[in-house]
N, C-alpha and C. Protein backbone atom coordinates (compact mmCIF):
# COMPACT_ATOMS: atom_id res chain seq x y z
N MET A 1 21.15 -70.87 27.47
CA MET A 1 21.60 -72.00 26.80
C MET A 1 22.33 -73.00 27.47
N ALA A 2 22.20 -74.09 27.55
CA ALA A 2 23.15 -75.05 28.13
C ALA A 2 24.57 -75.19 27.52
N ALA A 3 25.56 -75.48 28.31
CA ALA A 3 27.02 -75.71 27.87
C ALA A 3 27.01 -76.53 26.57
N HIS A 4 26.21 -77.64 26.88
CA HIS A 4 26.42 -78.75 25.67
C HIS A 4 26.04 -78.17 24.37
N GLU A 5 24.76 -77.20 24.37
CA GLU A 5 24.27 -76.67 23.36
C GLU A 5 25.28 -75.81 22.68
N ASN A 6 25.92 -75.04 23.45
CA ASN A 6 27.19 -74.13 22.81
C ASN A 6 28.15 -74.97 22.15
N VAL A 7 28.62 -76.07 22.67
CA VAL A 7 29.58 -77.12 22.17
C VAL A 7 29.06 -77.56 20.74
N GLN A 8 27.73 -77.73 20.78
CA GLN A 8 27.11 -78.27 19.37
C GLN A 8 27.11 -77.02 18.43
N GLN A 9 26.76 -76.10 18.78
CA GLN A 9 26.91 -74.80 17.92
C GLN A 9 28.31 -74.49 17.36
N VAL A 10 29.47 -74.76 18.31
CA VAL A 10 30.69 -74.58 17.72
C VAL A 10 31.32 -75.67 16.99
N LEU A 11 30.68 -76.86 17.12
CA LEU A 11 31.11 -78.17 16.29
C LEU A 11 30.54 -78.01 14.99
N ASP A 12 29.08 -77.62 14.77
CA ASP A 12 28.55 -77.32 13.71
C ASP A 12 29.36 -76.45 12.90
N TRP A 13 29.57 -75.26 13.39
CA TRP A 13 30.29 -74.34 12.73
C TRP A 13 31.59 -74.64 12.06
N SER A 14 32.30 -75.33 13.06
CA SER A 14 33.74 -75.70 12.74
C SER A 14 33.76 -76.81 11.58
N VAL A 15 32.77 -77.66 11.70
CA VAL A 15 32.78 -78.71 10.66
C VAL A 15 32.36 -78.14 9.18
N ALA A 16 31.40 -77.00 9.35
CA ALA A 16 31.13 -76.55 8.20
C ALA A 16 32.21 -75.54 7.55
N GLU A 17 32.99 -75.02 8.43
CA GLU A 17 34.09 -74.06 7.89
C GLU A 17 35.22 -74.71 7.40
N VAL A 18 35.72 -75.91 8.33
CA VAL A 18 36.93 -76.49 7.99
C VAL A 18 36.91 -78.02 8.01
N GLY A 19 36.00 -78.54 8.36
CA GLY A 19 35.85 -80.04 8.43
C GLY A 19 35.61 -80.74 6.93
N ILE A 20 36.08 -82.02 7.24
CA ILE A 20 35.85 -83.06 5.93
C ILE A 20 35.36 -84.20 6.71
N PRO A 21 34.20 -84.23 6.93
CA PRO A 21 33.42 -85.33 7.58
C PRO A 21 33.78 -86.72 7.02
N GLY A 22 34.26 -87.65 7.92
CA GLY A 22 34.41 -89.09 7.59
C GLY A 22 35.79 -89.43 6.80
N ILE A 23 36.59 -88.28 6.28
CA ILE A 23 37.59 -88.64 5.75
C ILE A 23 39.01 -88.69 6.45
N TRP A 24 38.98 -87.51 7.28
CA TRP A 24 40.47 -87.35 8.01
C TRP A 24 40.13 -88.28 9.20
N MET A 25 39.18 -88.17 10.08
CA MET A 25 38.87 -89.10 10.94
C MET A 25 37.76 -90.00 10.64
N PRO A 26 38.05 -91.30 10.58
CA PRO A 26 36.95 -92.15 10.17
C PRO A 26 35.70 -92.12 11.24
N HIS A 27 34.41 -92.04 10.61
CA HIS A 27 33.11 -92.34 11.27
C HIS A 27 32.91 -91.06 12.17
N ALA A 28 33.51 -89.92 11.64
CA ALA A 28 33.30 -88.76 12.67
C ALA A 28 33.14 -87.42 11.80
N ARG A 29 32.38 -86.63 12.26
CA ARG A 29 32.42 -85.14 11.88
C ARG A 29 33.63 -84.52 12.56
N TYR A 30 34.49 -83.71 11.88
CA TYR A 30 35.71 -83.20 12.44
C TYR A 30 35.93 -81.90 11.95
N GLY A 31 36.26 -80.98 12.85
CA GLY A 31 36.81 -79.65 12.62
C GLY A 31 37.37 -78.74 13.72
N LEU A 32 38.48 -78.08 13.63
CA LEU A 32 39.33 -77.39 14.53
C LEU A 32 39.63 -78.10 15.72
N GLY A 33 39.82 -79.43 15.64
CA GLY A 33 40.29 -80.29 16.69
C GLY A 33 39.16 -80.87 17.40
N MET A 34 37.82 -80.63 17.17
CA MET A 34 36.60 -81.00 17.85
C MET A 34 35.96 -82.22 16.82
N PHE A 35 35.40 -83.15 17.42
CA PHE A 35 34.97 -84.12 16.56
C PHE A 35 33.40 -84.56 17.15
N GLU A 36 32.67 -85.26 16.55
CA GLU A 36 31.57 -85.98 16.99
C GLU A 36 31.32 -87.23 15.99
N PHE A 37 31.44 -88.37 16.81
CA PHE A 37 31.20 -89.67 16.35
C PHE A 37 29.97 -89.94 15.43
N ASP A 38 29.70 -90.52 14.40
CA ASP A 38 28.52 -90.84 13.65
C ASP A 38 27.87 -91.85 14.53
N GLU A 39 26.58 -91.43 14.85
CA GLU A 39 25.68 -92.22 15.58
C GLU A 39 25.51 -93.78 15.18
N GLN A 40 25.85 -94.07 13.75
CA GLN A 40 25.89 -95.42 13.03
C GLN A 40 26.84 -96.36 13.74
N ALA A 41 28.03 -95.55 13.92
CA ALA A 41 29.30 -96.15 14.39
C ALA A 41 29.26 -96.41 15.85
N THR A 42 28.52 -95.67 16.55
CA THR A 42 28.44 -95.70 17.97
C THR A 42 27.24 -96.44 18.65
N GLY A 43 26.35 -97.11 17.65
CA GLY A 43 24.96 -97.65 18.16
C GLY A 43 24.01 -96.80 18.68
N GLY A 44 24.15 -95.55 18.01
CA GLY A 44 22.95 -94.58 18.51
C GLY A 44 23.53 -93.52 19.47
N ARG A 45 24.53 -93.95 20.18
CA ARG A 45 25.02 -92.99 21.11
C ARG A 45 25.70 -91.83 20.58
N THR A 46 25.52 -90.50 21.31
CA THR A 46 26.44 -89.38 20.79
C THR A 46 27.62 -89.16 21.63
N LEU A 47 28.66 -89.41 21.08
CA LEU A 47 29.93 -89.04 21.64
C LEU A 47 30.54 -88.00 20.87
N ARG A 48 31.05 -86.93 21.65
CA ARG A 48 31.74 -85.72 21.16
C ARG A 48 33.37 -85.63 21.90
N GLY A 49 34.19 -85.08 21.20
CA GLY A 49 35.44 -85.10 21.76
C GLY A 49 36.31 -83.85 21.26
N VAL A 50 37.52 -83.68 21.68
CA VAL A 50 38.61 -82.87 21.21
C VAL A 50 39.82 -83.63 21.37
N GLY A 51 40.83 -83.30 20.51
CA GLY A 51 42.10 -83.88 20.46
C GLY A 51 43.07 -83.30 19.61
N GLY A 52 44.28 -83.58 19.91
CA GLY A 52 45.52 -82.99 19.14
C GLY A 52 46.66 -83.52 19.70
N SER A 53 47.84 -83.31 18.97
CA SER A 53 49.10 -83.55 19.18
C SER A 53 50.17 -82.41 19.45
N PHE A 54 51.29 -82.41 20.12
CA PHE A 54 52.17 -81.48 20.05
C PHE A 54 53.41 -82.01 20.51
N TRP A 55 54.47 -81.88 19.64
CA TRP A 55 55.83 -82.49 20.20
C TRP A 55 56.08 -83.88 20.77
N GLY A 56 55.51 -84.57 20.18
CA GLY A 56 55.55 -86.07 20.72
C GLY A 56 54.80 -86.38 21.96
N SER A 57 53.73 -85.75 21.91
CA SER A 57 52.51 -86.11 22.79
C SER A 57 51.25 -85.90 22.13
N TYR A 58 50.22 -86.54 22.79
CA TYR A 58 49.06 -86.73 22.11
C TYR A 58 47.86 -86.66 23.23
N PHE A 59 46.73 -86.04 22.97
CA PHE A 59 45.77 -85.67 24.07
C PHE A 59 44.37 -85.88 23.14
N PHE A 60 43.40 -86.48 23.91
CA PHE A 60 42.16 -86.49 23.54
C PHE A 60 40.97 -86.63 24.85
N ALA A 61 40.08 -86.13 24.67
CA ALA A 61 38.98 -86.16 25.47
C ALA A 61 37.77 -86.43 24.83
N VAL A 62 36.88 -87.51 25.60
CA VAL A 62 35.46 -87.86 24.71
C VAL A 62 34.52 -87.82 25.89
N GLY A 63 33.38 -87.80 25.38
CA GLY A 63 32.29 -87.82 26.38
C GLY A 63 30.90 -87.78 25.81
N THR A 64 29.98 -87.87 26.74
CA THR A 64 28.62 -87.75 26.19
C THR A 64 28.20 -86.11 26.23
N PRO A 65 27.13 -85.78 25.38
CA PRO A 65 27.05 -84.28 25.35
C PRO A 65 26.67 -83.63 26.73
N ASP A 66 25.97 -84.57 27.77
CA ASP A 66 25.77 -83.60 28.94
C ASP A 66 27.00 -83.60 29.80
N GLY A 67 28.14 -84.48 29.42
CA GLY A 67 29.32 -84.30 30.29
C GLY A 67 29.31 -85.44 31.45
N ARG A 68 28.31 -86.00 31.56
CA ARG A 68 28.19 -87.09 32.79
C ARG A 68 29.09 -88.17 32.46
N HIS A 69 29.52 -88.59 31.41
CA HIS A 69 30.48 -89.70 31.23
C HIS A 69 31.63 -89.26 30.18
N THR A 70 32.66 -89.09 30.75
CA THR A 70 33.75 -88.34 29.90
C THR A 70 35.17 -88.69 30.34
N ILE A 71 35.96 -89.06 29.42
CA ILE A 71 37.31 -89.42 29.49
C ILE A 71 38.34 -88.64 28.96
N ALA A 72 39.55 -88.54 29.53
CA ALA A 72 40.62 -87.65 28.97
C ALA A 72 41.86 -88.53 29.00
N VAL A 73 42.63 -88.46 27.91
CA VAL A 73 43.82 -89.16 27.87
C VAL A 73 44.92 -88.26 27.45
N HIS A 74 46.11 -88.50 28.01
CA HIS A 74 47.15 -87.72 27.55
C HIS A 74 48.55 -88.86 27.43
N THR A 75 49.17 -88.79 26.38
CA THR A 75 50.47 -89.76 26.21
C THR A 75 51.52 -88.95 25.94
N ASN A 76 52.53 -89.65 26.06
CA ASN A 76 53.94 -89.09 25.86
C ASN A 76 54.43 -89.61 24.49
N THR A 77 53.37 -89.93 23.70
CA THR A 77 53.92 -90.40 22.33
C THR A 77 52.85 -89.93 21.29
N GLU A 78 53.36 -89.61 20.23
CA GLU A 78 52.36 -89.13 19.09
C GLU A 78 52.01 -90.47 18.27
N TRP A 79 50.66 -90.70 18.36
CA TRP A 79 50.19 -91.82 17.67
C TRP A 79 50.09 -91.67 16.25
N LYS A 80 50.39 -92.71 15.43
CA LYS A 80 50.30 -92.59 14.06
C LYS A 80 48.90 -93.23 13.37
N SER A 81 48.08 -93.50 14.12
CA SER A 81 46.79 -93.95 13.76
C SER A 81 45.56 -93.54 14.79
N TRP A 82 44.44 -93.65 14.59
CA TRP A 82 43.25 -93.60 15.42
C TRP A 82 43.23 -94.83 16.18
N ASP A 83 43.68 -95.92 15.98
CA ASP A 83 43.37 -97.31 16.43
C ASP A 83 43.57 -97.10 18.00
N PRO A 84 44.48 -96.46 18.66
CA PRO A 84 44.69 -96.69 20.18
C PRO A 84 43.50 -95.87 20.70
N MET A 85 43.30 -94.57 20.16
CA MET A 85 42.18 -93.96 20.76
C MET A 85 40.62 -94.64 20.63
N PHE A 86 40.40 -95.31 19.41
CA PHE A 86 39.22 -96.15 19.47
C PHE A 86 39.19 -97.25 20.06
N LYS A 87 40.40 -97.86 20.48
CA LYS A 87 40.32 -99.01 21.52
C LYS A 87 39.98 -98.58 23.02
N ILE A 88 40.49 -97.33 23.28
CA ILE A 88 40.19 -96.77 24.72
C ILE A 88 38.84 -96.64 24.70
N ILE A 89 38.08 -95.91 23.74
CA ILE A 89 36.78 -95.54 23.78
C ILE A 89 35.94 -96.74 23.74
N GLU A 90 36.25 -97.86 22.94
CA GLU A 90 35.63 -99.02 23.16
C GLU A 90 35.45 -99.50 24.43
N ALA A 91 36.75 -99.60 25.26
CA ALA A 91 36.82 -100.24 26.61
C ALA A 91 35.98 -99.22 27.39
N GLU A 92 36.06 -97.90 27.39
CA GLU A 92 35.22 -96.99 28.32
C GLU A 92 33.65 -97.01 27.98
N PHE A 93 33.29 -97.06 26.68
CA PHE A 93 31.73 -96.77 26.32
C PHE A 93 31.16 -97.91 25.97
N GLY A 94 31.93 -98.95 25.51
CA GLY A 94 31.24 -100.09 25.04
C GLY A 94 30.78 -100.06 23.65
N VAL A 95 31.30 -99.17 22.78
CA VAL A 95 31.16 -99.01 21.43
C VAL A 95 32.33 -99.28 20.73
N SER A 96 32.28 -100.02 19.51
CA SER A 96 33.35 -100.31 18.76
C SER A 96 33.29 -99.42 17.47
N ILE A 97 33.96 -98.34 17.35
CA ILE A 97 34.12 -97.38 16.36
C ILE A 97 34.98 -97.93 15.13
N GLY A 98 36.27 -98.18 15.57
CA GLY A 98 37.11 -98.94 14.63
C GLY A 98 37.21 -98.19 13.08
N ALA A 99 38.37 -98.19 12.56
CA ALA A 99 38.55 -97.55 11.18
C ALA A 99 38.20 -98.69 10.07
């Protein structure tokens, strides 16, 4: 089994167990810090990621399922909305997710 298939299985399980699709993070399935954006919001592209915050910092990584196109961002501030992340994803992947 390829690594990206394992990620999909863990994502499916985490969303089923603890996720609230589309409510906590707009346009995404989310659970246990992992997310997958709705393909309707990405123009048909599959983008998956992980993110979180801790004591005034924020981190996220987003990429294609095969890992060939991936970005990671770490900041020294805790964002109060998803807008900065969505703008970075739009600049890197050319998709407008927006809330």
